Amino acid sequence: MTTIAYRDGIMAGDTLVTLYGTRDSMTEKVRKTKSGWLVGGCGSLGELTTAFRWAEKCLQKDGSIRDRAPESKRLDLILVAPDGTTYGLSSCGDGGSSGGWPAKVTGMFMAAGSGADLARGAMALNAPADLAVRVAMSFDTGSGGEVQVVKLDSTIAQEAIAEAAARATKENAERKAAAAAAVAQAAAEAAASMGLQDDKAKADVAEAAAIAGAAPEVVH
């Protein structure tokens, strides 16, 4: 059961735990390690807990993996290094066995769990990872609860830069508009004080506003 999805520096997962076909409880299925790796898993809750402990100990900040993953019978993992390199580890279904060294995986996105196909379909249509998990939760009976999201540090930094740039652009546009309005008002008052004809005053207002960087609306 479960849905885990990864795309563009963001990993998301549902939180539902099922037991013998019933909705039992909620738990964390995706995690960011102290070294900056993203780890998501589905399958046995006990084996996932063991895998999280292994990840904290063995996944290094420089992107290296110190030791083999522990053996497990019912666990699939998605691992993302701090530089965005992706890895996978799978038990290949009940009766298989995962463990050993994670395999490097290439592709635009990854998904695991009972809702993986639904999540991959959503991401193929450009949905981000968190939305892909929500889509899967809408149809997959083994996925539910809340959507948990973890992000690479580089992704967080990029989002912060983009947000700061957007805020600066907005503030600059607001200052520019205020300056244009002030200059236009001053030009109109000057034209009125000098007793200029109406058409000439309008021309002065438009020219002053153009100098400030924006043309005001002139009422005819």
Protein backbone atom coordinates (compact mmCIF):
# COMPACT_ATOMS: atom_id res chain seq x y z
CA MET A 1 0.00 0.00 0.00
CA THR A 2 1.04 3.68 0.11
CA THR A 3 1.93 6.29 -2.51
CA ILE A 4 5.37 7.92 -2.66
CA ALA A 5 6.23 10.39 -5.43
CA TYR A 6 9.33 12.41 -6.27
CA ARG A 7 9.86 15.18 -8.78
CA ASP A 8 12.00 18.34 -9.10
CA GLY A 9 13.55 18.24 -5.64
CA ILE A 10 10.31 17.46 -3.83
CA MET A 11 9.24 14.12 -2.33
CA ALA A 12 5.70 13.51 -1.12
CA GLY A 13 3.89 10.62 0.49
CA ASP A 14 0.61 9.71 2.09
CA THR A 15 0.45 8.78 5.78
CA LEU A 16 -2.09 5.93 5.93
CA VAL A 17 -1.23 2.63 7.58
CA THR A 18 -3.43 -0.34 6.70
CA LEU A 19 -3.72 -3.62 8.59
CA TYR A 20 -5.41 -6.68 7.06
CA GLY A 21 -7.33 -4.50 4.63
CA THR A 22 -8.50 -1.94 7.20
CA ARG A 23 -7.40 1.65 7.80
CA ASP A 24 -5.38 1.35 10.99
CA SER A 25 -3.33 4.48 11.76
CA MET A 26 -1.10 7.22 10.33
CA THR A 27 2.69 7.38 10.08
CA GLU A 28 5.60 9.15 8.42
CA LYS A 29 6.64 7.58 5.11
CA VAL A 30 8.95 10.24 3.72
CA ARG A 31 11.80 11.83 5.61
CA LYS A 32 14.71 14.21 5.14
CA THR A 33 17.90 13.02 6.82
CA LYS A 34 20.29 15.25 8.73
CA SER A 35 22.70 14.89 5.80
CA GLY A 36 20.09 16.30 3.38
CA TRP A 37 18.91 13.11 1.65
CA LEU A 38 15.23 12.52 0.92
CA VAL A 39 14.00 9.02 1.79
CA GLY A 40 10.58 7.56 1.08
CA GLY A 41 9.37 4.01 1.52
CA CYS A 42 6.39 1.71 1.30
CA GLY A 43 5.69 -1.80 2.52
CA SER A 44 6.33 -3.13 6.02
CA LEU A 45 6.16 -0.42 8.69
CA GLY A 46 8.78 -2.17 10.81
CA GLU A 47 11.16 -2.51 7.87
CA LEU A 48 10.59 1.14 6.93
CA THR A 49 11.56 2.20 10.45
CA THR A 50 14.75 0.15 10.14
CA ALA A 51 15.44 1.71 6.73
CA PHE A 52 15.07 5.22 8.16
CA ARG A 53 17.65 4.40 10.85
CA TRP A 54 20.00 3.03 8.17
CA ALA A 55 19.50 6.19 6.07
CA GLU A 56 20.42 8.50 8.95
CA LYS A 57 23.58 6.50 9.58
CA CYS A 58 24.76 5.61 6.10
CA LEU A 59 23.62 8.30 3.62
CA GLN A 60 26.33 10.96 3.54
CA LYS A 61 26.15 14.69 2.84
CA ASP A 62 28.56 14.35 -0.10
CA GLY A 63 26.12 11.95 -1.81
CA SER A 64 27.97 8.75 -0.95
CA ILE A 65 26.43 5.67 0.67
CA ARG A 66 28.50 4.25 3.51
CA ASP A 67 26.99 0.78 3.79
CA ARG A 68 24.53 -1.65 2.24
CA ALA A 69 20.83 -1.30 3.03
CA PRO A 70 19.40 -3.88 5.46
CA GLU A 71 17.64 -6.91 4.04
CA SER A 72 13.86 -6.66 3.87
CA LYS A 73 11.00 -8.74 2.43
CA ARG A 74 8.29 -6.11 1.93
CA LEU A 75 9.87 -2.72 1.32
CA ASP A 76 10.48 -0.38 -1.62
CA LEU A 77 12.60 2.75 -1.18
CA ILE A 78 13.15 5.95 -3.14
CA LEU A 79 16.33 7.79 -2.19
CA VAL A 80 17.40 11.24 -3.40
CA ALA A 81 20.91 12.56 -2.70
CA PRO A 82 21.47 16.25 -1.83
CA ASP A 83 22.56 16.94 -5.42
CA GLY A 84 19.33 15.45 -6.81
CA THR A 85 20.72 12.05 -7.87
CA THR A 86 17.98 9.43 -7.46
CA TYR A 87 18.24 5.83 -6.29
CA GLY A 88 15.80 2.97 -5.87
CA LEU A 89 15.67 -0.23 -3.85
CA SER A 90 12.88 -2.78 -4.25
CA SER A 91 11.78 -6.12 -2.86
CA CYS A 92 9.90 -6.79 -6.12
CA GLY A 93 6.72 -7.73 -4.28
CA ASP A 94 5.92 -10.27 -1.59
CA GLY A 95 8.38 -13.12 -1.49
CA GLY A 96 11.22 -11.05 -2.96
CA SER A 97 14.04 -9.45 -1.04
CA SER A 98 15.50 -5.97 -1.00
CA GLY A 99 18.77 -4.92 0.52
CA GLY A 100 22.28 -4.32 -0.65
CA TRP A 101 23.37 -1.23 -2.55
CA PRO A 102 20.63 1.07 -3.91
CA ALA A 103 20.58 1.35 -7.70
CA LYS A 104 20.96 4.72 -9.40
CA VAL A 105 17.82 5.65 -11.36
CA THR A 106 17.41 8.25 -14.11
CA GLY A 107 14.18 9.88 -15.20
CA MET A 108 12.04 12.96 -14.73
CA PHE A 109 10.17 11.52 -11.75
CA MET A 110 9.73 8.42 -9.56
CA ALA A 111 6.87 6.80 -7.68
CA ALA A 112 6.38 3.75 -5.47
CA GLY A 113 3.56 1.94 -3.69
CA SER A 114 0.08 0.81 -4.56
CA GLY A 115 -0.75 4.25 -5.97
CA ALA A 116 2.47 4.55 -7.99
CA ASP A 117 0.85 4.19 -11.43
CA LEU A 118 -1.70 6.89 -10.60
CA ALA A 119 1.03 9.20 -9.33
CA ARG A 120 3.21 8.60 -12.39
CA GLY A 121 0.27 9.37 -14.67
CA ALA A 122 -0.34 12.65 -12.87
CA MET A 123 3.34 13.62 -13.04
CA ALA A 124 3.42 12.72 -16.73
CA LEU A 125 0.86 15.50 -17.11
CA ASN A 126 3.23 17.88 -15.26
CA ALA A 127 1.70 17.56 -11.78
CA PRO A 128 4.17 18.21 -8.93
CA ALA A 129 4.88 15.38 -6.50
CA ASP A 130 2.46 16.50 -3.79
CA LEU A 131 -0.43 16.86 -6.24
CA ALA A 132 0.42 13.46 -7.76
CA VAL A 133 0.04 11.87 -4.31
CA ARG A 134 -3.30 13.64 -3.81
CA VAL A 135 -4.50 12.26 -7.15
CA ALA A 136 -3.46 8.74 -6.14
CA MET A 137 -5.17 9.10 -2.76
CA SER A 138 -8.42 9.95 -4.56
CA PHE A 139 -8.52 6.54 -6.24
CA ASP A 140 -6.16 4.12 -4.49
CA THR A 141 -7.77 2.44 -1.48
CA GLY A 142 -4.37 1.77 0.07
CA SER A 143 -3.39 5.44 0.24
CA GLY A 144 -4.87 8.10 2.46
CA GLY A 145 -4.45 10.41 5.42
CA GLU A 146 -2.45 13.58 4.80
CA VAL A 147 0.17 14.46 2.20
CA GLN A 148 3.61 14.83 3.75
CA VAL A 149 6.25 16.79 1.81
CA VAL A 150 10.04 17.04 2.16
CA LYS A 151 12.36 19.08 -0.06
CA LEU A 152 16.02 19.17 -1.00
CA ASP A 153 17.93 22.11 0.47
CA SER A 154 18.75 23.30 -3.06
CA THR A 155 15.04 23.32 -3.91
CA ILE A 156 14.21 25.31 -0.78
CA ALA A 157 16.94 27.81 -1.69
CA GLN A 158 15.66 28.13 -5.26
CA GLU A 159 12.11 28.72 -4.03
CA ALA A 160 13.33 31.38 -1.58
CA ILE A 161 15.26 33.17 -4.34
CA ALA A 162 12.26 33.05 -6.69
CA GLU A 163 9.96 34.35 -3.96
CA ALA A 164 12.35 37.19 -3.12
CA ALA A 165 12.67 38.11 -6.79
CA ALA A 166 8.90 38.15 -7.26
CA ARG A 167 8.47 40.29 -4.16
CA ALA A 168 11.14 42.74 -5.35
CA THR A 169 9.52 42.95 -8.80
CA LYS A 170 6.13 43.67 -7.24
CA GLU A 171 7.52 46.33 -4.90
CA ASN A 172 9.40 47.96 -7.78
CA ALA A 173 6.24 48.05 -9.91
CA GLU A 174 4.30 49.60 -7.03
CA ARG A 175 6.98 52.28 -6.50
CA LYS A 176 7.05 53.00 -10.22
CA ALA A 177 3.28 53.38 -10.37
CA ALA A 178 3.27 55.67 -7.32
CA ALA A 179 6.02 57.82 -8.83
CA ALA A 180 4.14 58.08 -12.13
CA ALA A 181 0.96 59.12 -10.32
CA ALA A 182 2.82 61.75 -8.27
CA VAL A 183 4.52 63.26 -11.34
CA ALA A 184 1.27 63.27 -13.28
CA GLN A 185 -0.50 65.03 -10.42
CA ALA A 186 2.27 67.63 -10.19
CA ALA A 187 2.15 68.24 -13.95
CA ALA A 188 -1.61 68.67 -13.86
CA GLU A 189 -1.39 71.16 -10.99
CA ALA A 190 1.36 73.11 -12.78
CA ALA A 191 -0.62 73.25 -15.98
CA ALA A 192 -3.70 74.50 -14.13
CA SER A 193 -1.74 77.17 -12.27
CA MET A 194 -0.33 78.52 -15.54
CA GLY A 195 -3.75 78.57 -17.17
CA LEU A 196 -2.79 76.36 -20.07
CA GLN A 197 -5.38 75.21 -22.56
CA ASP A 198 -6.98 71.86 -21.85
CA ASP A 199 -5.27 69.94 -24.68
CA LYS A 200 -1.86 71.35 -23.81
CA ALA A 201 -2.32 70.41 -20.14
CA LYS A 202 -3.18 66.85 -21.10
CA ALA A 203 -0.07 66.64 -23.24
CA ASP A 204 2.09 67.86 -20.35
CA VAL A 205 0.53 65.31 -18.01
CA ALA A 206 1.16 62.46 -20.46
CA GLU A 207 4.76 63.56 -21.07
CA ALA A 208 5.50 63.80 -17.33
CA ALA A 209 4.03 60.39 -16.71
CA ALA A 210 6.05 58.92 -19.60
CA ILE A 211 9.22 60.29 -18.02
CA ALA A 212 8.25 58.54 -14.76
CA GLY A 213 7.82 55.31 -16.67
CA ALA A 214 4.05 54.86 -16.95
CA ALA A 215 1.31 56.66 -18.84
CA PRO A 216 -1.82 57.54 -16.77
CA GLU A 217 -5.32 57.18 -18.08
CA VAL A 218 -6.48 60.47 -19.63
CA VAL A 219 -10.21 61.14 -19.54
CA HIS A 220 -11.54 62.81 -22.66
